[in-house]
Amino acid sequence: MIWFMTLFKRPNQFVSRKTYRRQLLDLALLLAGCCALFALVMVMSEGMSPSDALWLTATTITTTGYGDLYAKTGIGRLATVLILYIPGIAIFAKVVNVFQDMRQNTAERKNTGLWRWNMEGHIVIIGMPSGDSETYFEGFLQELRRAQRFRNHPVQVLTKEWSGGIPPALAQRGMVHHHGDGSTFADLDAAGVKKADIVVVLASSPEADSTTFNTVSMLREMGVSCPIVAEYVKPESQARIHRAGATSVIKPTRVFPDMLVRVMVAPGSEFVLENLMTADGDELMGFAIQPRALLWKDVVHKLVEADMGIPIAYIGEDGAVTTNPRSSDPVTIHTLFLVCHEEQPLTAADIEAVLAE
């Protein structure tokens, strides 16, 4: 009796899917027993064939009641009331109710980050950017889907910030999350880091470097073999995080998530991008020169041979910037963008003289 009553007890708000399945199985077995018993009574008391008895059982317990078959004897009618009307229909209704509860519970667990997604070949992002995280992730996802390699990759965020639910705009773009952080092996495992295609560790605060270092170390200790892209805040932390196991270590770029995607697509490119974006090392310079019509390959050949740098883009007659043109393209250059050596100051006159040769 106690077991029977527990079948009709409503589960707590967040119970495991296994609990729901066990309850459904118990109810299904009980329902099957009621149906089998009723069908047997119909065969013995009403003289029905097994198929007619099963048909009557199905139409009665689902409250369809076509009226083509029904119990005529007292025993048959009593069995209908005691086996199907009272317990049978109640059990059937409970099965439907538990199934609906299970679906609702699953949806709530997914929305609040309590669901274990069991993904493979996905992108795991650990941490939350400071500021407007929704806008940041929208820009990140937009740029990510432009990259052919990551066009169809699922994205899962490991964070405690969205306990009330992931922002709808991000959910519509296919992003999911798990409630947790990168400080425990259990949370990392729940995010499926061992089966991920790439893991990104975001710096969530100005003092995040020690947390990032610990997370990267834990990932490698767990046996994570995929590339790890980690952000650093203080320059002295870059090498330390890299030694911990990060494949690429970059500065946070909250207004420009495109850089993070570039590093994910081409690990190691962070050194190139950082070199171009800072005053240290090589510099990206623009030179306004006298318009000159040449083939792009000739422009590149002349300047590289003169050891003046590497041309990467230009502004033409229409005022538009063209990046990385084809070698055979004819170009009329008004402004030339050149990656120059820091120790070799150049002028527009120097460029014009080389191109005129």
Protein backbone atom coordinates (compact mmCIF):
# COMPACT_ATOMS: atom_id res chain seq x y z
CA MET A 1 0.00 0.00 0.00
CA ILE A 2 2.84 2.41 0.86
CA TRP A 3 4.52 1.63 -2.48
CA PHE A 4 1.21 2.22 -4.27
CA MET A 5 0.72 5.62 -2.58
CA THR A 6 4.26 6.74 -3.44
CA LEU A 7 3.43 6.30 -7.13
CA PHE A 8 0.88 9.11 -6.83
CA LYS A 9 3.16 11.44 -4.87
CA ARG A 10 4.21 14.47 -6.89
CA PRO A 11 8.04 14.70 -7.22
CA ASN A 12 9.98 17.70 -5.98
CA GLN A 13 10.62 20.55 -8.39
CA PHE A 14 14.03 19.34 -9.57
CA VAL A 15 14.37 15.57 -9.52
CA SER A 16 16.51 13.46 -11.75
CA ARG A 17 15.26 12.13 -15.03
CA LYS A 18 16.04 8.65 -13.68
CA THR A 19 13.48 9.18 -10.87
CA TYR A 20 10.79 10.09 -13.37
CA ARG A 21 11.60 7.09 -15.53
CA ARG A 22 11.44 4.76 -12.55
CA GLN A 23 8.05 6.16 -11.54
CA LEU A 24 6.76 5.86 -15.10
CA LEU A 25 7.94 2.25 -15.26
CA ASP A 26 6.23 1.37 -11.97
CA LEU A 27 2.99 3.02 -13.10
CA ALA A 28 3.17 1.32 -16.49
CA LEU A 29 3.60 -2.11 -14.86
CA LEU A 30 0.69 -1.46 -12.52
CA LEU A 31 -1.45 -0.24 -15.41
CA ALA A 32 -0.55 -3.27 -17.50
CA GLY A 33 -1.52 -5.53 -14.61
CA CYS A 34 -4.93 -3.87 -14.28
CA CYS A 35 -5.53 -4.14 -18.02
CA ALA A 36 -4.49 -7.79 -18.16
CA LEU A 37 -6.69 -8.67 -15.19
CA PHE A 38 -9.70 -6.87 -16.64
CA ALA A 39 -9.25 -8.49 -20.05
CA LEU A 40 -9.05 -11.90 -18.39
CA VAL A 41 -12.30 -11.26 -16.50
CA MET A 42 -14.01 -10.20 -19.73
CA VAL A 43 -12.92 -13.36 -21.47
CA MET A 44 -14.07 -15.59 -18.59
CA SER A 45 -17.26 -13.80 -17.50
CA GLU A 46 -18.46 -12.27 -20.77
CA GLY A 47 -17.23 -14.90 -23.19
CA MET A 48 -15.36 -12.32 -25.28
CA SER A 49 -12.47 -13.20 -27.54
CA PRO A 50 -9.03 -11.98 -26.33
CA SER A 51 -8.97 -9.30 -29.04
CA ASP A 52 -12.42 -7.98 -28.08
CA ALA A 53 -11.44 -7.99 -24.41
CA LEU A 54 -8.30 -5.96 -25.13
CA TRP A 55 -10.28 -3.54 -27.33
CA LEU A 56 -12.84 -2.99 -24.55
CA THR A 57 -10.00 -2.48 -22.06
CA ALA A 58 -8.29 0.13 -24.25
CA THR A 59 -11.46 2.12 -25.04
CA THR A 60 -12.58 2.06 -21.40
CA ILE A 61 -9.32 3.08 -19.74
CA THR A 62 -8.81 5.95 -22.21
CA THR A 63 -12.44 7.03 -21.58
CA THR A 64 -13.18 6.75 -25.29
CA GLY A 65 -16.14 4.40 -24.90
CA TYR A 66 -17.38 3.61 -28.42
CA GLY A 67 -20.20 1.47 -27.02
CA ASP A 68 -19.68 -1.39 -29.46
CA LEU A 69 -18.62 -3.67 -26.60
CA TYR A 70 -19.56 -3.56 -22.92
CA ALA A 71 -19.96 -5.83 -19.90
CA LYS A 72 -23.37 -7.44 -19.58
CA THR A 73 -22.97 -9.69 -16.54
CA GLY A 74 -22.84 -8.56 -12.94
CA ILE A 75 -19.32 -9.85 -12.51
CA GLY A 76 -18.19 -8.07 -15.67
CA ARG A 77 -19.75 -4.76 -14.60
CA LEU A 78 -18.30 -5.05 -11.08
CA ALA A 79 -14.87 -5.73 -12.56
CA THR A 80 -15.23 -2.69 -14.79
CA VAL A 81 -15.81 -0.48 -11.75
CA LEU A 82 -13.28 -2.05 -9.39
CA ILE A 83 -10.45 -2.64 -11.90
CA LEU A 84 -10.73 0.10 -14.54
CA TYR A 85 -13.01 2.92 -13.36
CA ILE A 86 -11.41 3.37 -9.95
CA PRO A 87 -7.70 2.40 -10.15
CA GLY A 88 -7.14 1.90 -13.87
CA ILE A 89 -8.24 5.31 -15.17
CA ALA A 90 -6.52 7.02 -12.22
CA ILE A 91 -3.26 5.23 -13.00
CA PHE A 92 -3.53 6.09 -16.71
CA ALA A 93 -4.12 9.76 -15.86
CA LYS A 94 -1.13 9.67 -13.50
CA VAL A 95 1.09 8.26 -16.27
CA VAL A 96 0.14 11.18 -18.53
CA ASN A 97 0.68 13.64 -15.65
CA VAL A 98 4.13 12.27 -14.76
CA PHE A 99 5.20 12.37 -18.42
CA GLN A 100 4.16 16.02 -18.69
CA ASP A 101 5.91 16.82 -15.40
CA MET A 102 9.07 15.15 -16.68
CA ARG A 103 9.04 17.29 -19.84
CA GLN A 104 8.43 20.47 -17.85
CA ASN A 105 11.10 19.56 -15.33
CA THR A 106 13.58 18.89 -18.14
CA ALA A 107 12.84 22.28 -19.71
CA GLU A 108 13.30 24.05 -16.36
CA ARG A 109 16.56 22.23 -15.65
CA LYS A 110 17.92 23.17 -19.07
CA ASN A 111 16.90 26.81 -18.65
CA THR A 112 18.38 27.17 -15.15
CA GLY A 113 21.63 25.35 -15.92
CA LEU A 114 20.98 22.16 -13.95
CA TRP A 115 20.85 19.96 -17.03
CA ARG A 116 23.80 17.80 -18.06
CA TRP A 117 23.96 18.14 -21.83
CA ASN A 118 26.37 15.27 -22.63
CA MET A 119 27.77 17.08 -25.68
CA GLU A 120 30.66 16.06 -27.92
CA GLY A 121 32.78 18.19 -30.24
CA HIS A 122 31.39 21.37 -28.71
CA ILE A 123 32.84 24.67 -27.48
CA VAL A 124 33.01 25.19 -23.71
CA ILE A 125 33.28 28.74 -22.41
CA ILE A 126 34.23 28.95 -18.73
CA GLY A 127 33.40 32.15 -16.90
CA MET A 128 31.47 35.29 -17.66
CA PRO A 129 32.76 38.55 -19.16
CA SER A 130 32.32 41.63 -17.03
CA GLY A 131 29.83 44.21 -18.25
CA ASP A 132 27.09 43.46 -20.77
CA SER A 133 27.62 39.73 -21.21
CA GLU A 134 24.57 39.28 -23.44
CA THR A 135 25.81 41.80 -26.01
CA TYR A 136 29.30 40.30 -25.87
CA PHE A 137 28.08 36.77 -26.49
CA GLU A 138 25.77 37.90 -29.29
CA GLY A 139 28.77 39.41 -31.07
CA PHE A 140 30.84 36.34 -30.30
CA LEU A 141 28.23 33.95 -31.73
CA GLN A 142 27.75 36.09 -34.81
CA GLU A 143 31.46 36.04 -35.59
CA LEU A 144 31.79 32.37 -34.62
CA ARG A 145 29.17 31.29 -37.16
CA ARG A 146 31.08 33.10 -39.90
CA ALA A 147 34.06 30.85 -39.31
CA GLN A 148 33.65 27.72 -41.41
CA ARG A 149 35.22 25.47 -38.79
CA PHE A 150 32.80 26.51 -36.04
CA ARG A 151 29.69 27.14 -38.11
CA ASN A 152 27.75 24.27 -36.55
CA HIS A 153 29.52 23.79 -33.21
CA PRO A 154 27.31 23.75 -30.10
CA VAL A 155 28.36 26.30 -27.47
CA GLN A 156 28.03 25.66 -23.73
CA VAL A 157 28.85 28.26 -21.08
CA LEU A 158 29.90 27.16 -17.59
CA THR A 159 28.79 29.96 -15.25
CA LYS A 160 26.82 30.71 -12.10
CA GLU A 161 25.54 34.02 -13.42
CA TRP A 162 22.44 32.73 -15.22
CA SER A 163 20.72 30.83 -12.40
CA GLY A 164 17.45 32.47 -13.41
CA GLY A 165 17.79 31.33 -16.99
CA ILE A 166 19.95 32.00 -20.03
CA PRO A 167 19.04 35.21 -21.93
CA PRO A 168 16.41 34.32 -24.58
CA ALA A 169 18.41 35.99 -27.37
CA LEU A 170 21.34 33.64 -26.70
CA ALA A 171 19.13 30.57 -26.29
CA GLN A 172 17.59 31.30 -29.70
CA ARG A 173 21.09 31.25 -31.18
CA GLY A 174 21.68 27.77 -29.78
CA MET A 175 23.83 28.66 -26.76
CA VAL A 176 23.25 26.60 -23.59
CA HIS A 177 24.74 26.77 -20.11
CA HIS A 178 25.52 24.68 -17.07
CA HIS A 179 25.38 26.17 -13.58
CA GLY A 180 28.87 25.99 -12.14
CA ASP A 181 32.38 27.37 -12.52
CA GLY A 182 35.89 26.28 -13.33
CA SER A 183 36.99 25.76 -9.74
CA THR A 184 35.76 22.19 -9.30
CA PHE A 185 36.40 19.02 -11.25
CA ALA A 186 32.72 18.08 -10.98
CA ASP A 187 31.55 21.25 -12.75
CA LEU A 188 34.18 20.93 -15.44
CA ASP A 189 33.23 17.32 -16.04
CA ALA A 190 29.53 18.24 -16.17
CA ALA A 191 30.32 20.69 -18.98
CA GLY A 192 31.90 17.86 -20.95
CA VAL A 193 35.35 19.43 -21.23
CA LYS A 194 36.99 16.07 -22.04
CA LYS A 195 34.85 15.73 -25.18
CA ALA A 196 35.01 19.41 -26.19
CA ASP A 197 36.61 20.57 -29.44
CA ILE A 198 37.96 23.71 -27.77
CA VAL A 199 37.77 25.28 -24.30
CA VAL A 200 37.80 29.04 -23.64
CA VAL A 201 38.55 30.45 -20.17
CA LEU A 202 37.38 34.05 -19.80
CA ALA A 203 38.80 36.56 -17.32
CA SER A 204 35.80 37.73 -15.32
CA SER A 205 37.55 40.32 -13.14
CA PRO A 206 40.79 42.32 -12.88
CA GLU A 207 42.04 39.74 -10.36
CA ALA A 208 41.09 36.69 -12.42
CA ASP A 209 44.58 35.50 -13.43
CA SER A 210 45.03 33.15 -10.48
CA THR A 211 41.58 31.64 -11.12
CA THR A 212 42.40 31.23 -14.80
CA PHE A 213 45.71 29.56 -13.95
CA ASN A 214 43.98 27.08 -11.63
CA THR A 215 41.26 26.30 -14.17
CA VAL A 216 43.75 25.65 -16.96
CA SER A 217 45.84 23.45 -14.67
CA MET A 218 42.76 21.45 -13.66
CA LEU A 219 41.72 20.98 -17.28
CA ARG A 220 45.09 19.49 -18.21
CA GLU A 221 45.09 17.39 -15.03
CA MET A 222 41.72 15.95 -16.12
CA GLY A 223 43.28 14.87 -19.40
CA VAL A 224 41.70 17.53 -21.61
CA SER A 225 43.64 17.36 -24.88
CA CYS A 226 41.82 19.94 -26.99
CA PRO A 227 43.14 23.51 -27.45
CA ILE A 228 42.57 25.86 -24.50
CA VAL A 229 42.26 29.60 -25.11
CA ALA A 230 42.66 31.59 -21.89
CA GLU A 231 42.49 35.31 -21.15
CA TYR A 232 44.98 37.12 -18.93
CA VAL A 233 44.78 40.53 -17.27
CA LYS A 234 48.28 41.25 -15.98
CA PRO A 235 51.19 40.96 -18.45
CA GLU A 236 53.29 38.95 -16.00
CA SER A 237 50.59 36.26 -15.94
CA GLN A 238 50.68 35.48 -19.66
CA ALA A 239 53.67 33.14 -19.60
CA ARG A 240 52.52 31.51 -16.36
CA ILE A 241 49.10 30.63 -17.76
CA HIS A 242 50.72 29.35 -20.93
CA ARG A 243 52.99 27.05 -18.92
CA ALA A 244 49.93 25.74 -17.08
CA GLY A 245 48.70 24.31 -20.37
CA ALA A 246 46.88 27.04 -22.30
CA THR A 247 47.37 26.77 -26.06
CA SER A 248 46.74 30.48 -26.58
CA VAL A 249 46.76 33.28 -24.01
CA ILE A 250 45.16 36.60 -24.98
CA LYS A 251 44.11 39.89 -23.44
CA PRO A 252 40.37 40.35 -22.81
CA THR A 253 38.68 42.11 -25.74
CA ARG A 254 35.18 42.85 -24.51
CA VAL A 255 34.22 45.24 -27.29
CA PHE A 256 35.85 43.08 -29.95
CA PRO A 257 34.97 39.38 -29.53
CA ASP A 258 36.11 38.81 -33.11
CA MET A 259 39.72 38.57 -31.87
CA LEU A 260 38.82 35.67 -29.58
CA VAL A 261 37.23 33.84 -32.52
CA ARG A 262 40.31 34.46 -34.67
CA VAL A 263 42.51 32.91 -32.01
CA MET A 264 40.16 29.93 -31.76
CA VAL A 265 40.33 29.42 -35.52
CA ALA A 266 44.11 29.90 -35.72
CA PRO A 267 45.91 29.24 -32.42
CA GLY A 268 49.07 31.31 -32.22
CA SER A 269 47.58 34.20 -34.15
CA GLU A 270 47.22 36.07 -30.85
CA PHE A 271 50.93 36.92 -31.05
CA VAL A 272 50.49 38.33 -34.55
CA LEU A 273 47.40 40.34 -33.61
CA GLU A 274 48.89 41.64 -30.39
CA ASN A 275 52.08 42.58 -32.19
CA LEU A 276 50.11 44.64 -34.69
CA MET A 277 47.88 46.27 -32.08
CA THR A 278 50.64 47.49 -29.76
CA ALA A 279 53.59 49.83 -30.11
CA ASP A 280 56.00 47.05 -29.20
CA GLY A 281 57.57 45.00 -31.98
CA ASP A 282 56.43 45.50 -35.58
CA GLU A 283 53.99 48.27 -36.37
CA LEU A 284 51.12 48.57 -38.80
CA MET A 285 51.58 51.89 -40.59
CA GLY A 286 49.58 53.74 -43.22
CA PHE A 287 51.35 55.84 -45.88
CA ALA A 288 49.52 58.33 -48.09
CA ILE A 289 51.41 58.22 -51.40
CA GLN A 290 51.05 59.59 -54.89
CA PRO A 291 48.48 57.43 -56.73
CA ARG A 292 50.24 54.73 -58.70
CA ALA A 293 48.77 51.89 -60.81
CA LEU A 294 50.52 48.55 -60.35
CA LEU A 295 49.78 44.88 -59.97
CA TRP A 296 49.50 43.95 -56.30
CA LYS A 297 52.16 41.26 -56.64
CA ASP A 298 54.60 43.92 -57.90
CA VAL A 299 53.84 46.13 -54.90
CA VAL A 300 54.52 43.25 -52.52
CA HIS A 301 57.65 42.13 -54.37
CA LYS A 302 59.24 45.58 -54.50
CA LEU A 303 58.67 46.41 -50.84
CA VAL A 304 59.60 42.99 -49.47
CA GLU A 305 62.75 42.89 -51.60
CA ALA A 306 63.69 46.33 -50.25
CA ASP A 307 63.10 45.00 -46.71
CA MET A 308 60.65 47.79 -45.99
CA GLY A 309 57.90 45.54 -44.67
CA ILE A 310 54.89 43.58 -45.86
CA PRO A 311 51.94 45.32 -47.57
CA ILE A 312 48.60 43.95 -46.35
CA ALA A 313 45.99 46.47 -47.56
CA TYR A 314 45.41 49.72 -49.41
CA ILE A 315 42.90 52.51 -49.98
CA GLY A 316 42.04 52.88 -53.65
CA GLU A 317 40.46 55.55 -55.82
CA ASP A 318 36.98 54.85 -54.43
CA GLY A 319 38.13 55.45 -50.85
CA ALA A 320 37.44 51.85 -49.82
CA VAL A 321 39.94 49.76 -47.88
CA THR A 322 40.92 46.51 -49.64
CA THR A 323 42.62 43.87 -47.51
CA ASN A 324 44.77 41.07 -48.89
CA PRO A 325 43.96 41.51 -52.60
CA ARG A 326 44.80 38.78 -55.09
CA SER A 327 48.32 38.90 -56.51
CA SER A 328 47.13 39.53 -60.07
CA ASP A 329 44.77 42.38 -59.14
CA PRO A 330 45.60 45.76 -60.72
CA VAL A 331 45.57 48.40 -57.99
CA THR A 332 45.73 52.18 -57.82
CA ILE A 333 47.03 52.98 -54.37
CA HIS A 334 46.30 56.21 -52.53
CA THR A 335 47.17 54.94 -49.04
CA LEU A 336 49.23 51.82 -48.40
CA PHE A 337 49.12 49.82 -45.15
CA LEU A 338 52.42 48.19 -44.34
CA VAL A 339 53.68 46.02 -41.48
CA CYS A 340 57.02 47.69 -40.76
CA HIS A 341 59.99 46.88 -38.59
CA GLU A 342 60.05 49.00 -35.44
CA GLU A 343 63.70 49.92 -35.81
CA GLN A 344 63.29 51.06 -39.41
CA PRO A 345 61.39 54.38 -39.63
CA LEU A 346 59.88 54.94 -43.08
CA THR A 347 58.30 57.86 -44.90
CA ALA A 348 55.87 58.09 -47.78
CA ALA A 349 58.75 59.31 -49.94
CA ASP A 350 60.67 56.08 -49.21
CA ILE A 351 57.70 54.00 -50.35
CA GLU A 352 57.18 56.05 -53.51
CA ALA A 353 60.84 55.73 -54.44
CA VAL A 354 60.80 51.94 -54.21
CA LEU A 355 57.52 51.61 -56.14
CA ALA A 356 58.83 53.85 -58.89
CA GLU A 357 61.78 51.53 -59.61
